[in-house]
Amino acid sequence: HIKNPRRTVRIWDLDSDGSWTYCGPGGANEWQAHKGPVKCVNWAHPEFGQLIATAGSDHAVTIWEERDGSFKSLATPERTSDGFL
């Protein structure tokens, strides 16, 4: 469970020497993912590629894919009137 008062997702890379690298605000490794705070982030199994699912307090779930060095939204399922996706 992730508590993030911001609406962003930040990706860190583990370098070969064991240190973590972050590209910083505005870089390809940080982007606004939701209209409200991000509550959960989950990576897909590597066999499916570089995919991340995020969920926010805005009640949205978004699937992201890494393309050309940055993450792009693949899908954001819509809520129906009865509250189910």
C-alpha atoms as a PDB file:
ATOM      1  CA  HIS A   1       0.000   0.000   0.000  1.00  0.00           C
ATOM      2  CA  ILE A   2       1.434   3.363  -0.984  1.00  0.00           C
ATOM      3  CA  LYS A   3       0.547   6.664   0.624  1.00  0.00           C
ATOM      4  CA  ASN A   4       1.337   9.477  -1.775  1.00  0.00           C
ATOM      5  CA  PRO A   5      -0.331  12.860  -1.206  1.00  0.00           C
ATOM      6  CA  ARG A   6       0.780  13.763  -4.692  1.00  0.00           C
ATOM      7  CA  ARG A   7      -0.866  12.471  -7.798  1.00  0.00           C
ATOM      8  CA  THR A   8       2.396  11.223  -9.233  1.00  0.00           C
ATOM      9  CA  VAL A   9       4.218   7.946  -9.730  1.00  0.00           C
ATOM     10  CA  ARG A  10       8.007   7.887  -9.385  1.00  0.00           C
ATOM     11  CA  ILE A  11      10.193   5.131 -10.785  1.00  0.00           C
ATOM     12  CA  TRP A  12      13.629   4.390  -9.370  1.00  0.00           C
ATOM     13  CA  ASP A  13      16.274   2.232 -11.082  1.00  0.00           C
ATOM     14  CA  LEU A  14      18.575  -0.175  -9.241  1.00  0.00           C
ATOM     15  CA  ASP A  15      22.079   0.317 -10.651  1.00  0.00           C
ATOM     16  CA  SER A  16      24.554  -2.524 -11.104  1.00  0.00           C
ATOM     17  CA  ASP A  17      26.470  -1.262  -8.036  1.00  0.00           C
ATOM     18  CA  GLY A  18      23.356  -1.622  -5.863  1.00  0.00           C
ATOM     19  CA  SER A  19      22.495   2.071  -5.621  1.00  0.00           C
ATOM     20  CA  TRP A  20      19.102   3.554  -6.496  1.00  0.00           C
ATOM     21  CA  THR A  21      18.839   6.254  -9.171  1.00  0.00           C
ATOM     22  CA  TYR A  22      15.961   8.681  -9.600  1.00  0.00           C
ATOM     23  CA  CYS A  23      15.715  11.021 -12.596  1.00  0.00           C
ATOM     24  CA  GLY A  24      13.965  13.752 -10.622  1.00  0.00           C
ATOM     25  CA  PRO A  25      10.786  15.802 -11.056  1.00  0.00           C
ATOM     26  CA  GLY A  26       9.601  16.286 -14.593  1.00  0.00           C
ATOM     27  CA  GLY A  27      11.746  13.460 -15.923  1.00  0.00           C
ATOM     28  CA  ALA A  28      10.570  10.316 -17.670  1.00  0.00           C
ATOM     29  CA  ASN A  29      10.549   8.506 -14.324  1.00  0.00           C
ATOM     30  CA  GLU A  30       7.837  10.702 -12.767  1.00  0.00           C
ATOM     31  CA  TRP A  31       4.396  11.560 -14.085  1.00  0.00           C
ATOM     32  CA  GLN A  32       0.937  12.550 -12.871  1.00  0.00           C
ATOM     33  CA  ALA A  33      -1.064   9.341 -12.749  1.00  0.00           C
ATOM     34  CA  HIS A  34      -4.320  10.394 -11.068  1.00  0.00           C
ATOM     35  CA  LYS A  35      -6.580  13.313 -10.144  1.00  0.00           C
ATOM     36  CA  GLY A  36      -6.181  12.380  -6.471  1.00  0.00           C
ATOM     37  CA  PRO A  37      -3.428  10.760  -4.387  1.00  0.00           C
ATOM     38  CA  VAL A  38      -1.957   7.492  -5.706  1.00  0.00           C
ATOM     39  CA  LYS A  39      -2.933   4.635  -3.371  1.00  0.00           C
ATOM     40  CA  CYS A  40      -1.443   1.536  -5.027  1.00  0.00           C
ATOM     41  CA  VAL A  41       1.154   0.622  -7.662  1.00  0.00           C
ATOM     42  CA  ASN A  42       1.772  -2.886  -8.994  1.00  0.00           C
ATOM     43  CA  TRP A  43       4.225  -4.162 -11.631  1.00  0.00           C
ATOM     44  CA  ALA A  44       3.119  -6.839 -14.081  1.00  0.00           C
ATOM     45  CA  HIS A  45       5.173 -10.006 -14.492  1.00  0.00           C
ATOM     46  CA  PRO A  46       8.107  -9.284 -16.866  1.00  0.00           C
ATOM     47  CA  GLU A  47       6.737 -11.736 -19.456  1.00  0.00           C
ATOM     48  CA  PHE A  48       4.063  -9.090 -20.206  1.00  0.00           C
ATOM     49  CA  GLY A  49       6.583  -6.273 -20.755  1.00  0.00           C
ATOM     50  CA  GLN A  50       7.118  -3.103 -18.736  1.00  0.00           C
ATOM     51  CA  LEU A  51       3.572  -2.669 -17.405  1.00  0.00           C
ATOM     52  CA  ILE A  52       2.426  -0.928 -14.221  1.00  0.00           C
ATOM     53  CA  ALA A  53      -1.080  -0.682 -12.770  1.00  0.00           C
ATOM     54  CA  THR A  54      -1.917   2.282 -10.536  1.00  0.00           C
ATOM     55  CA  ALA A  55      -4.974   3.045  -8.424  1.00  0.00           C
ATOM     56  CA  GLY A  56      -5.825   6.413  -6.941  1.00  0.00           C
ATOM     57  CA  SER A  57      -8.231   8.044  -4.522  1.00  0.00           C
ATOM     58  CA  ASP A  58     -10.017   9.315  -7.645  1.00  0.00           C
ATOM     59  CA  HIS A  59     -11.369   5.729  -7.934  1.00  0.00           C
ATOM     60  CA  ALA A  60      -9.489   5.205 -11.212  1.00  0.00           C
ATOM     61  CA  VAL A  61      -7.232   2.304 -12.143  1.00  0.00           C
ATOM     62  CA  THR A  62      -4.781   2.906 -14.988  1.00  0.00           C
ATOM     63  CA  ILE A  63      -2.481   0.532 -16.864  1.00  0.00           C
ATOM     64  CA  TRP A  64       0.832   2.093 -17.977  1.00  0.00           C
ATOM     65  CA  GLU A  65       3.426   0.782 -20.435  1.00  0.00           C
ATOM     66  CA  GLU A  66       7.014   1.928 -20.808  1.00  0.00           C
ATOM     67  CA  ARG A  67       7.582   3.127 -24.387  1.00  0.00           C
ATOM     68  CA  ASP A  68      10.609   5.000 -25.673  1.00  0.00           C
ATOM     69  CA  GLY A  69      11.912   5.658 -22.163  1.00  0.00           C
ATOM     70  CA  SER A  70       8.700   6.965 -20.575  1.00  0.00           C
ATOM     71  CA  PHE A  71       5.405   5.501 -19.383  1.00  0.00           C
ATOM     72  CA  LYS A  72       2.225   5.944 -21.450  1.00  0.00           C
ATOM     73  CA  SER A  73      -1.340   5.166 -20.403  1.00  0.00           C
ATOM     74  CA  LEU A  74      -2.713   2.045 -22.097  1.00  0.00           C
ATOM     75  CA  ALA A  75      -6.110   1.891 -20.425  1.00  0.00           C
ATOM     76  CA  THR A  76      -8.262   3.477 -17.745  1.00  0.00           C
ATOM     77  CA  PRO A  77     -11.439   1.435 -17.311  1.00  0.00           C
ATOM     78  CA  GLU A  78     -14.567   3.524 -16.825  1.00  0.00           C
ATOM     79  CA  ARG A  79     -16.913   3.236 -13.844  1.00  0.00           C
ATOM     80  CA  THR A  80     -20.486   2.324 -14.586  1.00  0.00           C
ATOM     81  CA  SER A  81     -23.537   3.837 -12.894  1.00  0.00           C
ATOM     82  CA  ASP A  82     -23.690   0.856 -10.496  1.00  0.00           C
ATOM     83  CA  GLY A  83     -20.068   1.479  -9.457  1.00  0.00           C
ATOM     84  CA  PHE A  84     -18.414  -1.468 -11.186  1.00  0.00           C
ATOM     85  CA  LEU A  85     -15.673  -1.298 -13.807  1.00  0.00           C
END
